[in-house]
Amino acid sequence: MMIDFALAAERTEGKSAEEAIFQACLLRFRPIIMTTMAAMLGGLPLALGGGTGAELRMPLGISIVGGLIFSQLLTLFTTPVVYLYFDKLAQRMKPREARVAQPATAD
C-alpha cells in the first residue's frame, strides 16, 4: 500500500522518492495498523483462552499474535528503506543504460 501511494505521488505530483515514501508512510500508517490490529485481536482468544484443549490451541494463538507484531514492525521499517534503495539503484542504472543504448558512430 505504501509503495503504490509513493509511486503515484512520484508520477502525478513530481515528488522525489524520499518525499513520496514519507508521505505514503504518513497516509497509510493508520489503515495498515488497523488491519493488523484486527487480525491480532482475532488471534488473542486463541492465545489467552482456557478450557478443554486450550493447551493445543495456545501455541497457535501465540504464533499468530507474535508473528503479526514482528512482521508489522519489520514491514513498517524495511519497506521505505528498500523502496529508497531500489530508487537509488534505478538512478545509478540510468546513465549506464543510456550509454549502452547509443549506437556507435563510424568515422
Protein backbone atom coordinates (compact mmCIF):
# COMPACT_ATOMS: atom_id res chain seq x y z
CA MET A 1 0.00 0.00 0.00
CA MET A 2 2.82 2.38 0.79
CA ILE A 3 4.63 1.62 -2.45
CA ASP A 4 1.52 2.27 -4.56
CA PHE A 5 0.98 5.63 -2.91
CA ALA A 6 4.64 6.57 -3.23
CA LEU A 7 4.75 5.69 -6.93
CA ALA A 8 1.56 7.66 -7.55
CA ALA A 9 2.99 10.69 -5.72
CA GLU A 10 6.19 10.49 -7.76
CA ARG A 11 4.35 10.25 -11.07
CA THR A 12 1.47 12.69 -10.54
CA GLU A 13 2.92 15.23 -8.13
CA GLY A 14 6.55 15.07 -9.28
CA LYS A 15 7.90 14.41 -5.79
CA SER A 16 11.27 12.90 -5.05
CA ALA A 17 11.43 9.32 -3.81
CA GLU A 18 12.17 10.45 -0.25
CA GLU A 19 9.22 12.86 -0.14
CA ALA A 20 6.89 10.35 -1.80
CA ILE A 21 7.63 7.45 0.56
CA PHE A 22 7.45 9.75 3.59
CA GLN A 23 4.02 10.99 2.54
CA ALA A 24 2.91 7.43 1.79
CA CYS A 25 4.04 6.29 5.24
CA LEU A 26 2.07 9.06 6.89
CA LEU A 27 -1.08 8.44 4.86
CA ARG A 28 -1.13 4.63 5.01
CA PHE A 29 0.09 4.06 8.59
CA ARG A 30 -3.36 4.11 10.17
CA PRO A 31 -5.05 1.67 7.73
CA ILE A 32 -2.12 -0.73 7.95
CA ILE A 33 -2.15 -0.67 11.76
CA MET A 34 -5.94 -1.07 11.86
CA THR A 35 -5.79 -4.14 9.61
CA THR A 36 -3.01 -5.70 11.67
CA MET A 37 -4.79 -4.97 14.94
CA ALA A 38 -8.00 -6.59 13.67
CA ALA A 39 -6.11 -9.76 12.77
CA MET A 40 -4.13 -9.71 16.01
CA LEU A 41 -7.18 -9.21 18.18
CA GLY A 42 -8.80 -12.12 16.35
CA GLY A 43 -5.91 -14.34 17.48
CA LEU A 44 -5.96 -13.22 21.11
CA PRO A 45 -8.72 -15.62 22.22
CA LEU A 46 -6.56 -18.50 20.98
CA ALA A 47 -3.51 -17.18 22.80
CA LEU A 48 -5.25 -16.33 26.08
CA GLY A 49 -8.15 -18.78 26.10
CA GLY A 50 -8.63 -21.56 28.57
CA GLY A 51 -10.81 -24.61 28.81
CA THR A 52 -10.68 -28.04 27.29
CA GLY A 53 -7.96 -28.35 24.67
CA ALA A 54 -6.58 -24.86 25.28
CA GLU A 55 -3.06 -26.22 25.62
CA LEU A 56 -3.26 -27.34 21.99
CA ARG A 57 -4.60 -24.04 20.63
CA MET A 58 -2.48 -21.67 22.72
CA PRO A 59 0.76 -22.09 20.69
CA LEU A 60 -1.14 -21.27 17.50
CA GLY A 61 -2.56 -18.08 19.04
CA ILE A 62 0.83 -17.02 20.36
CA SER A 63 2.36 -17.65 16.94
CA ILE A 64 -0.33 -15.60 15.22
CA VAL A 65 -0.04 -12.64 17.58
CA GLY A 66 3.76 -12.71 17.78
CA GLY A 67 4.14 -13.14 14.04
CA LEU A 68 1.83 -10.22 13.29
CA ILE A 69 3.66 -7.95 15.72
CA PHE A 70 7.08 -8.91 14.38
CA SER A 71 6.11 -8.74 10.71
CA GLN A 72 4.34 -5.41 11.16
CA LEU A 73 7.35 -3.79 12.81
CA LEU A 74 9.68 -5.28 10.23
CA THR A 75 7.49 -4.17 7.33
CA LEU A 76 6.96 -0.62 8.58
CA PHE A 77 10.70 -0.09 8.91
CA THR A 78 12.06 -2.01 5.94
CA THR A 79 9.58 -1.05 3.20
CA PRO A 80 10.70 2.61 2.98
CA VAL A 81 14.36 1.59 3.14
CA VAL A 82 14.02 -0.97 0.35
CA TYR A 83 11.98 1.49 -1.74
CA LEU A 84 14.69 4.14 -1.46
CA TYR A 85 17.41 1.57 -2.16
CA PHE A 86 15.73 0.46 -5.38
CA ASP A 87 15.19 4.10 -6.40
CA LYS A 88 18.90 4.85 -5.93
CA LEU A 89 19.77 1.68 -7.85
CA ALA A 90 17.49 2.74 -10.70
CA GLN A 91 19.10 6.19 -10.74
CA ARG A 92 22.54 4.59 -10.96
CA MET A 93 21.49 2.29 -13.79
CA LYS A 94 20.01 5.07 -15.98
CA PRO A 95 23.32 6.53 -17.23
CA ARG A 96 24.68 3.04 -17.94
CA GLU A 97 21.59 2.15 -19.99
CA ALA A 98 21.85 5.42 -21.90
CA ARG A 99 25.49 4.69 -22.81
CA VAL A 100 24.71 1.17 -23.97
CA ALA A 101 21.66 2.27 -25.97
CA GLN A 102 23.58 4.87 -28.03
CA PRO A 103 24.72 3.44 -31.35
CA ALA A 104 28.38 3.68 -32.20
CA THR A 105 29.16 6.18 -34.96
CA ALA A 106 31.53 5.21 -37.75
CA ASP A 107 34.14 7.84 -38.54
